Amino acid sequence: IASIVKHRLTREGFEVHHAPDGEEALRMAKTGTYSLVILDVKM
C-alpha cells in the first residue's frame, strides 16, 4: 500500500517520506516539516 501511495503522490509532484510504524512516523515529524500526513490505523 505504501509503495502504491508513494508512487502516485510522487507522480503528482509530491516528496513522500515513508514510516513503517507510528514511532518512526512521530520521530520523522519531530525532525522534519510536512505539508500533509497520511496514516494507517493499525501499525
PDB file of all heavy atoms in Angstrom:
ATOM      1  N   ILE A   1       0.840  -1.202   0.000  1.00  0.00           N
ATOM      2  CA  ILE A   1       0.000   0.000   0.000  1.00  0.00           C
ATOM      3  C   ILE A   1       0.873   1.250   0.000  1.00  0.00           C
ATOM      4  O   ILE A   1       0.625   2.210  -0.738  1.00  0.00           O
ATOM      5  CB  ILE A   1      -0.932   0.013   1.227  1.00  0.00           C
ATOM      6  CG1 ILE A   1      -1.960  -1.110   1.127  1.00  0.00           C
ATOM      7  CG2 ILE A   1      -1.636   1.362   1.356  1.00  0.00           C
ATOM      8  CD1 ILE A   1      -2.947  -0.969  -0.008  1.00  0.00           C
ATOM      9  N   ALA A   2       1.911   1.219   0.830  1.00  0.00           N
ATOM     10  CA  ALA A   2       2.802   2.383   0.913  1.00  0.00           C
ATOM     11  C   ALA A   2       3.465   2.672  -0.418  1.00  0.00           C
ATOM     12  O   ALA A   2       3.591   3.841  -0.827  1.00  0.00           O
ATOM     13  CB  ALA A   2       3.857   2.146   1.990  1.00  0.00           C
ATOM     14  N   SER A   3       3.873   1.622  -1.137  1.00  0.00           N
ATOM     15  CA  SER A   3       4.540   1.835  -2.427  1.00  0.00           C
ATOM     16  C   SER A   3       3.565   2.406  -3.458  1.00  0.00           C
ATOM     17  O   SER A   3       3.949   3.248  -4.283  1.00  0.00           O
ATOM     18  CB  SER A   3       5.145   0.524  -2.936  1.00  0.00           C
ATOM     19  OG  SER A   3       4.134  -0.430  -3.206  1.00  0.00           O
ATOM     20  N   ILE A   4       2.297   1.969  -3.406  1.00  0.00           N
ATOM     21  CA  ILE A   4       1.289   2.492  -4.342  1.00  0.00           C
ATOM     22  C   ILE A   4       1.030   3.972  -4.065  1.00  0.00           C
ATOM     23  O   ILE A   4       1.029   4.801  -4.982  1.00  0.00           O
ATOM     24  CB  ILE A   4      -0.027   1.689  -4.216  1.00  0.00           C
ATOM     25  CG1 ILE A   4       0.182   0.254  -4.718  1.00  0.00           C
ATOM     26  CG2 ILE A   4      -1.149   2.368  -5.011  1.00  0.00           C
ATOM     27  CD1 ILE A   4      -1.008  -0.653  -4.469  1.00  0.00           C
ATOM     28  N   VAL A   5       0.826   4.297  -2.794  1.00  0.00           N
ATOM     29  CA  VAL A   5       0.561   5.687  -2.423  1.00  0.00           C
ATOM     30  C   VAL A   5       1.751   6.569  -2.775  1.00  0.00           C
ATOM     31  O   VAL A   5       1.603   7.651  -3.351  1.00  0.00           O
ATOM     32  CB  VAL A   5       0.241   5.802  -0.916  1.00  0.00           C
ATOM     33  CG1 VAL A   5       0.111   7.263  -0.510  1.00  0.00           C
ATOM     34  CG2 VAL A   5      -1.042   5.046  -0.588  1.00  0.00           C
ATOM     35  N   LYS A   6       2.947   6.099  -2.427  1.00  0.00           N
ATOM     36  CA  LYS A   6       4.148   6.889  -2.699  1.00  0.00           C
ATOM     37  C   LYS A   6       4.330   7.098  -4.198  1.00  0.00           C
ATOM     38  O   LYS A   6       4.671   8.206  -4.645  1.00  0.00           O
ATOM     39  CB  LYS A   6       5.379   6.179  -2.113  1.00  0.00           C
ATOM     40  CG  LYS A   6       6.662   6.985  -2.233  1.00  0.00           C
ATOM     41  CD  LYS A   6       7.800   6.313  -1.476  1.00  0.00           C
ATOM     42  CE  LYS A   6       9.067   7.159  -1.551  1.00  0.00           C
ATOM     43  NZ  LYS A   6      10.183   6.541  -0.791  1.00  0.00           N
ATOM     44  N   HIS A   7       4.089   6.064  -4.988  1.00  0.00           N
ATOM     45  CA  HIS A   7       4.240   6.163  -6.438  1.00  0.00           C
ATOM     46  C   HIS A   7       3.295   7.210  -7.012  1.00  0.00           C
ATOM     47  O   HIS A   7       3.703   8.069  -7.808  1.00  0.00           O
ATOM     48  CB  HIS A   7       3.986   4.807  -7.083  1.00  0.00           C
ATOM     49  CG  HIS A   7       3.970   4.828  -8.584  1.00  0.00           C
ATOM     50  ND1 HIS A   7       5.105   5.059  -9.336  1.00  0.00           N
ATOM     51  CD2 HIS A   7       2.939   4.681  -9.472  1.00  0.00           C
ATOM     52  CE1 HIS A   7       4.793   5.037 -10.622  1.00  0.00           C
ATOM     53  NE2 HIS A   7       3.487   4.817 -10.733  1.00  0.00           N
ATOM     54  N   ARG A   8       2.013   7.148  -6.607  1.00  0.00           N
ATOM     55  CA  ARG A   8       1.028   8.080  -7.155  1.00  0.00           C
ATOM     56  C   ARG A   8       1.302   9.514  -6.725  1.00  0.00           C
ATOM     57  O   ARG A   8       1.203  10.444  -7.527  1.00  0.00           O
ATOM     58  CB  ARG A   8      -0.379   7.660  -6.719  1.00  0.00           C
ATOM     59  CG  ARG A   8      -0.857   6.346  -7.317  1.00  0.00           C
ATOM     60  CD  ARG A   8      -0.780   6.363  -8.842  1.00  0.00           C
ATOM     61  NE  ARG A   8      -1.585   7.411  -9.437  1.00  0.00           N
ATOM     62  CZ  ARG A   8      -2.571   7.216 -10.301  1.00  0.00           C
ATOM     63  NH1 ARG A   8      -2.895   5.989 -10.653  1.00  0.00           N
ATOM     64  NH2 ARG A   8      -3.224   8.230 -10.819  1.00  0.00           N
ATOM     65  N   LEU A   9       1.665   9.709  -5.463  1.00  0.00           N
ATOM     66  CA  LEU A   9       1.938  11.068  -4.991  1.00  0.00           C
ATOM     67  C   LEU A   9       3.206  11.636  -5.616  1.00  0.00           C
ATOM     68  O   LEU A   9       3.271  12.827  -5.940  1.00  0.00           O
ATOM     69  CB  LEU A   9       2.054  11.078  -3.464  1.00  0.00           C
ATOM     70  CG  LEU A   9       0.756  10.851  -2.690  1.00  0.00           C
ATOM     71  CD1 LEU A   9       1.037  10.810  -1.197  1.00  0.00           C
ATOM     72  CD2 LEU A   9      -0.263  11.933  -2.993  1.00  0.00           C
ATOM     73  N   THR A  10       4.207  10.797  -5.801  1.00  0.00           N
ATOM     74  CA  THR A  10       5.447  11.251  -6.437  1.00  0.00           C
ATOM     75  C   THR A  10       5.185  11.680  -7.867  1.00  0.00           C
ATOM     76  O   THR A  10       5.727  12.692  -8.348  1.00  0.00           O
ATOM     77  CB  THR A  10       6.509  10.140  -6.396  1.00  0.00           C
ATOM     78  OG1 THR A  10       6.764   9.768  -5.035  1.00  0.00           O
ATOM     79  CG2 THR A  10       7.809  10.613  -7.034  1.00  0.00           C
ATOM     80  N   ARG A  11       4.337  10.933  -8.580  1.00  0.00           N
ATOM     81  CA  ARG A  11       3.959  11.303  -9.949  1.00  0.00           C
ATOM     82  C   ARG A  11       3.269  12.661  -9.996  1.00  0.00           C
ATOM     83  O   ARG A  11       3.371  13.393 -10.985  1.00  0.00           O
ATOM     84  CB  ARG A  11       3.019  10.250 -10.544  1.00  0.00           C
ATOM     85  CG  ARG A  11       3.723   9.005 -11.058  1.00  0.00           C
ATOM     86  CD  ARG A  11       2.728   8.017 -11.630  1.00  0.00           C
ATOM     87  NE  ARG A  11       1.860   8.630 -12.640  1.00  0.00           N
ATOM     88  CZ  ARG A  11       0.829   8.012 -13.200  1.00  0.00           C
ATOM     89  NH1 ARG A  11       0.512   6.779 -12.831  1.00  0.00           N
ATOM     90  NH2 ARG A  11       0.096   8.630 -14.105  1.00  0.00           N
ATOM     91  N   GLU A  12       2.570  13.006  -8.904  1.00  0.00           N
ATOM     92  CA  GLU A  12       1.847  14.272  -8.848  1.00  0.00           C
ATOM     93  C   GLU A  12       2.729  15.421  -8.363  1.00  0.00           C
ATOM     94  O   GLU A  12       2.248  16.546  -8.201  1.00  0.00           O
ATOM     95  CB  GLU A  12       0.638  14.130  -7.922  1.00  0.00           C
ATOM     96  CG  GLU A  12      -0.434  13.195  -8.446  1.00  0.00           C
ATOM     97  CD  GLU A  12      -1.094  13.733  -9.707  1.00  0.00           C
ATOM     98  OE1 GLU A  12      -1.375  14.940  -9.773  1.00  0.00           O
ATOM     99  OE2 GLU A  12      -1.314  12.928 -10.640  1.00  0.00           O
ATOM    100  N   GLY A  13       3.994  15.152  -8.117  1.00  0.00           N
ATOM    101  CA  GLY A  13       4.913  16.224  -7.738  1.00  0.00           C
ATOM    102  C   GLY A  13       5.156  16.372  -6.249  1.00  0.00           C
ATOM    103  O   GLY A  13       5.732  17.375  -5.807  1.00  0.00           O
ATOM    104  N   PHE A  14       4.750  15.382  -5.445  1.00  0.00           N
ATOM    105  CA  PHE A  14       4.966  15.450  -4.006  1.00  0.00           C
ATOM    106  C   PHE A  14       6.249  14.714  -3.610  1.00  0.00           C
ATOM    107  O   PHE A  14       6.674  13.778  -4.287  1.00  0.00           O
ATOM    108  CB  PHE A  14       3.786  14.832  -3.247  1.00  0.00           C
ATOM    109  CG  PHE A  14       2.498  15.572  -3.419  1.00  0.00           C
ATOM    110  CD1 PHE A  14       1.581  15.183  -4.390  1.00  0.00           C
ATOM    111  CD2 PHE A  14       2.192  16.668  -2.632  1.00  0.00           C
ATOM    112  CE1 PHE A  14       0.390  15.862  -4.570  1.00  0.00           C
ATOM    113  CE2 PHE A  14       1.000  17.353  -2.791  1.00  0.00           C
ATOM    114  CZ  PHE A  14       0.096  16.957  -3.766  1.00  0.00           C
ATOM    115  N   GLU A  15       6.839  15.137  -2.516  1.00  0.00           N
ATOM    116  CA  GLU A  15       8.001  14.453  -1.942  1.00  0.00           C
ATOM    117  C   GLU A  15       7.490  13.621  -0.767  1.00  0.00           C
ATOM    118  O   GLU A  15       7.018  14.178   0.232  1.00  0.00           O
ATOM    119  CB  GLU A  15       9.037  15.471  -1.470  1.00  0.00           C
ATOM    120  CG  GLU A  15      10.267  14.866  -0.830  1.00  0.00           C
ATOM    121  CD  GLU A  15      11.221  15.931  -0.318  1.00  0.00           C
ATOM    122  OE1 GLU A  15      11.368  16.976  -0.992  1.00  0.00           O
ATOM    123  OE2 GLU A  15      11.805  15.715   0.759  1.00  0.00           O
ATOM    124  N   VAL A  16       7.543  12.305  -0.878  1.00  0.00           N
ATOM    125  CA  VAL A  16       6.929  11.427   0.111  1.00  0.00           C
ATOM    126  C   VAL A  16       7.986  10.754   0.983  1.00  0.00           C
ATOM    127  O   VAL A  16       8.932  10.160   0.469  1.00  0.00           O
ATOM    128  CB  VAL A  16       6.068  10.337  -0.580  1.00  0.00           C
ATOM    129  CG1 VAL A  16       5.362   9.474   0.473  1.00  0.00           C
ATOM    130  CG2 VAL A  16       5.040  10.982  -1.509  1.00  0.00           C
ATOM    131  N   HIS A  17       7.814  10.836   2.289  1.00  0.00           N
ATOM    132  CA  HIS A  17       8.683  10.170   3.253  1.00  0.00           C
ATOM    133  C   HIS A  17       7.859   9.105   3.961  1.00  0.00           C
ATOM    134  O   HIS A  17       6.828   9.416   4.580  1.00  0.00           O
ATOM    135  CB  HIS A  17       9.240  11.172   4.264  1.00  0.00           C
ATOM    136  CG  HIS A  17      10.143  12.197   3.650  1.00  0.00           C
ATOM    137  ND1 HIS A  17      11.061  12.910   4.387  1.00  0.00           N
ATOM    138  CD2 HIS A  17      10.285  12.625   2.375  1.00  0.00           C
ATOM    139  CE1 HIS A  17      11.721  13.748   3.594  1.00  0.00           C
ATOM    140  NE2 HIS A  17      11.251  13.586   2.370  1.00  0.00           N
ATOM    141  N   HIS A  18       8.325   7.856   3.926  1.00  0.00           N
ATOM    142  CA  HIS A  18       7.549   6.739   4.455  1.00  0.00           C
ATOM    143  C   HIS A  18       8.079   6.263   5.798  1.00  0.00           C
ATOM    144  O   HIS A  18       9.291   6.080   5.970  1.00  0.00           O
ATOM    145  CB  HIS A  18       7.562   5.572   3.448  1.00  0.00           C
ATOM    146  CG  HIS A  18       6.912   4.343   3.961  1.00  0.00           C
ATOM    147  ND1 HIS A  18       7.494   3.086   3.867  1.00  0.00           N
ATOM    148  CD2 HIS A  18       5.733   4.153   4.608  1.00  0.00           C
ATOM    149  CE1 HIS A  18       6.690   2.196   4.414  1.00  0.00           C
ATOM    150  NE2 HIS A  18       5.626   2.799   4.868  1.00  0.00           N
ATOM    151  N   ALA A  19       7.168   6.052   6.747  1.00  0.00           N
ATOM    152  CA  ALA A  19       7.498   5.469   8.039  1.00  0.00           C
ATOM    153  C   ALA A  19       6.716   4.173   8.196  1.00  0.00           C
ATOM    154  O   ALA A  19       5.504   4.155   7.965  1.00  0.00           O
ATOM    155  CB  ALA A  19       7.137   6.436   9.167  1.00  0.00           C
ATOM    156  N   PRO A  20       7.355   3.076   8.594  1.00  0.00           N
ATOM    157  CA  PRO A  20       6.674   1.782   8.681  1.00  0.00           C
ATOM    158  C   PRO A  20       5.889   1.567   9.978  1.00  0.00           C
ATOM    159  O   PRO A  20       5.205   0.557  10.115  1.00  0.00           O
ATOM    160  CB  PRO A  20       7.828   0.787   8.583  1.00  0.00           C
ATOM    161  CG  PRO A  20       8.977   1.510   9.190  1.00  0.00           C
ATOM    162  CD  PRO A  20       8.794   2.952   8.825  1.00  0.00           C
ATOM    163  N   ASP A  21       5.997   2.493  10.935  1.00  0.00           N
ATOM    164  CA  ASP A  21       5.246   2.344  12.185  1.00  0.00           C
ATOM    165  C   ASP A  21       5.020   3.716  12.816  1.00  0.00           C
ATOM    166  O   ASP A  21       5.598   4.722  12.389  1.00  0.00           O
ATOM    167  CB  ASP A  21       5.980   1.419  13.164  1.00  0.00           C
ATOM    168  CG  ASP A  21       7.381   1.892  13.480  1.00  0.00           C
ATOM    169  OD1 ASP A  21       7.529   2.994  14.045  1.00  0.00           O
ATOM    170  OD2 ASP A  21       8.347   1.162  13.142  1.00  0.00           O
ATOM    171  N   GLY A  22       4.176   3.742  13.834  1.00  0.00           N
ATOM    172  CA  GLY A  22       3.828   5.005  14.465  1.00  0.00           C
ATOM    173  C   GLY A  22       4.988   5.697  15.146  1.00  0.00           C
ATOM    174  O   GLY A  22       5.103   6.920  15.127  1.00  0.00           O
ATOM    175  N   GLU A  23       5.862   4.922  15.765  1.00  0.00           N
ATOM    176  CA  GLU A  23       7.011   5.509  16.466  1.00  0.00           C
ATOM    177  C   GLU A  23       7.949   6.211  15.496  1.00  0.00           C
ATOM    178  O   GLU A  23       8.399   7.336  15.742  1.00  0.00           O
ATOM    179  CB  GLU A  23       7.755   4.421  17.228  1.00  0.00           C
ATOM    180  CG  GLU A  23       8.922   4.950  18.058  1.00  0.00           C
ATOM    181  CD  GLU A  23       9.608   3.854  18.845  1.00  0.00           C
ATOM    182  OE1 GLU A  23       9.907   2.791  18.242  1.00  0.00           O
ATOM    183  OE2 GLU A  23       9.840   4.055  20.043  1.00  0.00           O
ATOM    184  N   GLU A  24       8.249   5.567  14.366  1.00  0.00           N
ATOM    185  CA  GLU A  24       9.128   6.169  13.371  1.00  0.00           C
ATOM    186  C   GLU A  24       8.476   7.395  12.750  1.00  0.00           C
ATOM    187  O   GLU A  24       9.143   8.409  12.488  1.00  0.00           O
ATOM    188  CB  GLU A  24       9.461   5.145  12.283  1.00  0.00           C
ATOM    189  CG  GLU A  24      10.329   5.679  11.142  1.00  0.00           C
ATOM    190  CD  GLU A  24      11.731   6.091  11.571  1.00  0.00           C
ATOM    191  OE1 GLU A  24      12.118   5.796  12.725  1.00  0.00           O
ATOM    192  OE2 GLU A  24      12.432   6.717  10.746  1.00  0.00           O
ATOM    193  N   ALA A  25       7.158   7.342  12.519  1.00  0.00           N
ATOM    194  CA  ALA A  25       6.453   8.489  11.958  1.00  0.00           C
ATOM    195  C   ALA A  25       6.542   9.692  12.895  1.00  0.00           C
ATOM    196  O   ALA A  25       6.757  10.826  12.456  1.00  0.00           O
ATOM    197  CB  ALA A  25       4.991   8.133  11.695  1.00  0.00           C
ATOM    198  N   LEU A  26       6.390   9.451  14.193  1.00  0.00           N
ATOM    199  CA  LEU A  26       6.479  10.548  15.162  1.00  0.00           C
ATOM    200  C   LEU A  26       7.881  11.135  15.193  1.00  0.00           C
ATOM    201  O   LEU A  26       8.052  12.359  15.267  1.00  0.00           O
ATOM    202  CB  LEU A  26       6.081  10.048  16.549  1.00  0.00           C
ATOM    203  CG  LEU A  26       6.034  11.110  17.652  1.00  0.00           C
ATOM    204  CD1 LEU A  26       4.997  12.171  17.330  1.00  0.00           C
ATOM    205  CD2 LEU A  26       5.732  10.463  19.005  1.00  0.00           C
ATOM    206  N   ARG A  27       8.890  10.267  15.118  1.00  0.00           N
ATOM    207  CA  ARG A  27      10.269  10.761  15.098  1.00  0.00           C
ATOM    208  C   ARG A  27      10.514  11.625  13.869  1.00  0.00           C
ATOM    209  O   ARG A  27      11.134  12.703  13.961  1.00  0.00           O
ATOM    210  CB  ARG A  27      11.245   9.579  15.095  1.00  0.00           C
ATOM    211  CG  ARG A  27      12.719   9.993  15.208  1.00  0.00           C
ATOM    212  CD  ARG A  27      13.647   8.867  14.839  1.00  0.00           C
ATOM    213  NE  ARG A  27      13.527   8.497  13.425  1.00  0.00           N
ATOM    214  CZ  ARG A  27      14.068   9.214  12.431  1.00  0.00           C
ATOM    215  NH1 ARG A  27      14.753  10.325  12.683  1.00  0.00           N
ATOM    216  NH2 ARG A  27      13.928   8.814  11.183  1.00  0.00           N
ATOM    217  N   MET A  28      10.027  11.189  12.714  1.00  0.00           N
ATOM    218  CA  MET A  28      10.204  11.956  11.485  1.00  0.00           C
ATOM    219  C   MET A  28       9.464  13.285  11.553  1.00  0.00           C
ATOM    220  O   MET A  28       9.943  14.307  11.067  1.00  0.00           O
ATOM    221  CB  MET A  28       9.722  11.122  10.292  1.00  0.00           C
ATOM    222  CG  MET A  28      10.604   9.908  10.002  1.00  0.00           C
ATOM    223  SD  MET A  28       9.891   8.756   8.797  1.00  0.00           S
ATOM    224  CE  MET A  28       9.896   9.758   7.316  1.00  0.00           C
ATOM    225  N   ALA A  29       8.276  13.276  12.168  1.00  0.00           N
ATOM    226  CA  ALA A  29       7.507  14.513  12.308  1.00  0.00           C
ATOM    227  C   ALA A  29       8.229  15.522  13.193  1.00  0.00           C
ATOM    228  O   ALA A  29       8.175  16.731  12.951  1.00  0.00           O
ATOM    229  CB  ALA A  29       6.124  14.209  12.881  1.00  0.00           C
ATOM    230  N   LYS A  30       8.926  15.025  14.212  1.00  0.00           N
ATOM    231  CA  LYS A  30       9.639  15.915  15.133  1.00  0.00           C
ATOM    232  C   LYS A  30      10.893  16.503  14.508  1.00  0.00           C
ATOM    233  O   LYS A  30      11.319  17.598  14.879  1.00  0.00           O
ATOM    234  CB  LYS A  30      10.016  15.150  16.405  1.00  0.00           C
ATOM    235  CG  LYS A  30       8.837  14.825  17.307  1.00  0.00           C
ATOM    236  CD  LYS A  30       9.287  14.050  18.542  1.00  0.00           C
ATOM    237  CE  LYS A  30       8.121  13.778  19.488  1.00  0.00           C
ATOM    238  NZ  LYS A  30       8.556  12.995  20.683  1.00  0.00           N
ATOM    239  N   THR A  31      11.491  15.786  13.573  1.00  0.00           N
ATOM    240  CA  THR A  31      12.756  16.246  12.976  1.00  0.00           C
ATOM    241  C   THR A  31      12.572  16.900  11.607  1.00  0.00           C
ATOM    242  O   THR A  31      13.522  17.442  11.052  1.00  0.00           O
ATOM    243  CB  THR A  31      13.733  15.068  12.819  1.00  0.00           C
ATOM    244  OG1 THR A  31      13.117  14.030  12.029  1.00  0.00           O
ATOM    245  CG2 THR A  31      14.089  14.500  14.184  1.00  0.00           C
ATOM    246  N   GLY A  32      11.358  16.856  11.060  1.00  0.00           N
ATOM    247  CA  GLY A  32      11.108  17.462   9.753  1.00  0.00           C
ATOM    248  C   GLY A  32       9.795  18.216   9.755  1.00  0.00           C
ATOM    249  O   GLY A  32       9.071  18.234  10.751  1.00  0.00           O
ATOM    250  N   THR A  33       9.498  18.865   8.644  1.00  0.00           N
ATOM    251  CA  THR A  33       8.249  19.599   8.489  1.00  0.00           C
ATOM    252  C   THR A  33       7.521  19.062   7.274  1.00  0.00           C
ATOM    253  O   THR A  33       8.107  18.939   6.198  1.00  0.00           O
ATOM    254  CB  THR A  33       8.502  21.107   8.315  1.00  0.00           C
ATOM    255  OG1 THR A  33       9.241  21.593   9.434  1.00  0.00           O
ATOM    256  CG2 THR A  33       7.186  21.866   8.228  1.00  0.00           C
ATOM    257  N   TYR A  34       6.233  18.765   7.438  1.00  0.00           N
ATOM    258  CA  TYR A  34       5.452  18.168   6.359  1.00  0.00           C
ATOM    259  C   TYR A  34       4.171  18.961   6.112  1.00  0.00           C
ATOM    260  O   TYR A  34       3.573  19.504   7.042  1.00  0.00           O
ATOM    261  CB  TYR A  34       5.118  16.713   6.698  1.00  0.00           C
ATOM    262  CG  TYR A  34       6.348  15.832   6.794  1.00  0.00           C
ATOM    263  CD1 TYR A  34       7.002  15.660   8.013  1.00  0.00           C
ATOM    264  CD2 TYR A  34       6.877  15.224   5.664  1.00  0.00           C
ATOM    265  CE1 TYR A  34       8.151  14.885   8.104  1.00  0.00           C
ATOM    266  CE2 TYR A  34       8.028  14.445   5.745  1.00  0.00           C
ATOM    267  CZ  TYR A  34       8.658  14.280   6.965  1.00  0.00           C
ATOM    268  OH  TYR A  34       9.795  13.515   7.051  1.00  0.00           O
ATOM    269  N   SER A  35       3.777  19.017   4.844  1.00  0.00           N
ATOM    270  CA  SER A  35       2.560  19.733   4.463  1.00  0.00           C
ATOM    271  C   SER A  35       1.318  18.883   4.674  1.00  0.00           C
ATOM    272  O   SER A  35       0.207  19.412   4.741  1.00  0.00           O
ATOM    273  CB  SER A  35       2.636  20.151   2.986  1.00  0.00           C
ATOM    274  OG  SER A  35       3.777  20.914   2.715  1.00  0.00           O
ATOM    275  N   LEU A  36       1.499  17.564   4.751  1.00  0.00           N
ATOM    276  CA  LEU A  36       0.377  16.642   4.868  1.00  0.00           C
ATOM    277  C   LEU A  36       0.862  15.354   5.523  1.00  0.00           C
ATOM    278  O   LEU A  36       1.994  14.918   5.295  1.00  0.00           O
ATOM    279  CB  LEU A  36      -0.183  16.331   3.473  1.00  0.00           C
ATOM    280  CG  LEU A  36      -1.239  15.229   3.348  1.00  0.00           C
ATOM    281  CD1 LEU A  36      -2.554  15.664   3.973  1.00  0.00           C
ATOM    282  CD2 LEU A  36      -1.448  14.855   1.883  1.00  0.00           C
ATOM    283  N   VAL A  37      -0.014  14.750   6.334  1.00  0.00           N
ATOM    284  CA  VAL A  37       0.284  13.454   6.944  1.00  0.00           C
ATOM    285  C   VAL A  37      -0.811  12.474   6.528  1.00  0.00           C
ATOM    286  O   VAL A  37      -2.002  12.772   6.649  1.00  0.00           O
ATOM    287  CB  VAL A  37       0.340  13.541   8.482  1.00  0.00           C
ATOM    288  CG1 VAL A  37       0.603  12.156   9.075  1.00  0.00           C
ATOM    289  CG2 VAL A  37       1.406  14.531   8.927  1.00  0.00           C
ATOM    290  N   ILE A  38      -0.398  11.309   6.005  1.00  0.00           N
ATOM    291  CA  ILE A  38      -1.326  10.227   5.667  1.00  0.00           C
ATOM    292  C   ILE A  38      -0.936   9.031   6.516  1.00  0.00           C
ATOM    293  O   ILE A  38       0.235   8.612   6.503  1.00  0.00           O
ATOM    294  CB  ILE A  38      -1.243   9.861   4.176  1.00  0.00           C
ATOM    295  CG1 ILE A  38      -1.600  11.074   3.299  1.00  0.00           C
ATOM    296  CG2 ILE A  38      -2.182   8.703   3.855  1.00  0.00           C
ATOM    297  CD1 ILE A  38      -1.446  10.808   1.800  1.00  0.00           C
ATOM    298  N   LEU A  39      -1.878   8.462   7.258  1.00  0.00           N
ATOM    299  CA  LEU A  39      -1.503   7.377   8.152  1.00  0.00           C
ATOM    300  C   LEU A  39      -2.568   6.287   8.226  1.00  0.00           C
ATOM    301  O   LEU A  39      -3.755   6.534   8.052  1.00  0.00           O
ATOM    302  CB  LEU A  39      -1.205   7.926   9.545  1.00  0.00           C
ATOM    303  CG  LEU A  39      -2.261   8.824  10.199  1.00  0.00           C
ATOM    304  CD1 LEU A  39      -3.261   7.988  10.969  1.00  0.00           C
ATOM    305  CD2 LEU A  39      -1.585   9.825  11.122  1.00  0.00           C
ATOM    306  N   ASP A  40      -2.079   5.091   8.463  1.00  0.00           N
ATOM    307  CA  ASP A  40      -2.946   3.939   8.688  1.00  0.00           C
ATOM    308  C   ASP A  40      -3.315   3.911  10.175  1.00  0.00           C
ATOM    309  O   ASP A  40      -2.690   4.592  10.989  1.00  0.00           O
ATOM    310  CB  ASP A  40      -2.211   2.663   8.280  1.00  0.00           C
ATOM    311  CG  ASP A  40      -3.126   1.450   8.228  1.00  0.00           C
ATOM    312  OD1 ASP A  40      -4.352   1.633   8.324  1.00  0.00           O
ATOM    313  OD2 ASP A  40      -2.602   0.332   8.097  1.00  0.00           O
ATOM    314  N   VAL A  41      -4.321   3.125  10.529  1.00  0.00           N
ATOM    315  CA  VAL A  41      -4.681   2.983  11.937  1.00  0.00           C
ATOM    316  C   VAL A  41      -3.903   1.842  12.577  1.00  0.00           C
ATOM    317  O   VAL A  41      -3.254   2.012  13.612  1.00  0.00           O
ATOM    318  CB  VAL A  41      -6.199   2.749  12.099  1.00  0.00           C
ATOM    319  CG1 VAL A  41      -6.520   2.410  13.559  1.00  0.00           C
ATOM    320  CG2 VAL A  41      -6.972   3.989  11.670  1.00  0.00           C
ATOM    321  N   LYS A  42      -3.939   0.673  11.957  1.00  0.00           N
ATOM    322  CA  LYS A  42      -3.252  -0.485  12.514  1.00  0.00           C
ATOM    323  C   LYS A  42      -1.771  -0.450  12.151  1.00  0.00           C
ATOM    324  O   LYS A  42      -1.388  -0.730  11.021  1.00  0.00           O
ATOM    325  CB  LYS A  42      -3.885  -1.770  11.983  1.00  0.00           C
ATOM    326  CG  LYS A  42      -5.320  -1.995  12.457  1.00  0.00           C
ATOM    327  CD  LYS A  42      -5.856  -3.306  11.938  1.00  0.00           C
ATOM    328  CE  LYS A  42      -7.249  -3.593  12.444  1.00  0.00           C
ATOM    329  NZ  LYS A  42      -7.769  -4.885  11.924  1.00  0.00           N
ATOM    330  N   MET A  43      -0.929  -0.082  13.138  1.00  0.00           N
ATOM    331  CA  MET A  43       0.515  -0.012  12.933  1.00  0.00           C
ATOM    332  C   MET A  43       1.225  -0.507  14.176  1.00  0.00           C
ATOM    333  O   MET A  43       0.677  -0.435  15.281  1.00  0.00           O
ATOM    334  CB  MET A  43       0.956   1.417  12.617  1.00  0.00           C
ATOM    335  CG  MET A  43       0.493   1.956  11.287  1.00  0.00           C
ATOM    336  SD  MET A  43       1.258   3.568  10.920  1.00  0.00           S
ATOM    337  CE  MET A  43       0.503   4.598  12.179  1.00  0.00           C
TER     338      MET A  43
END
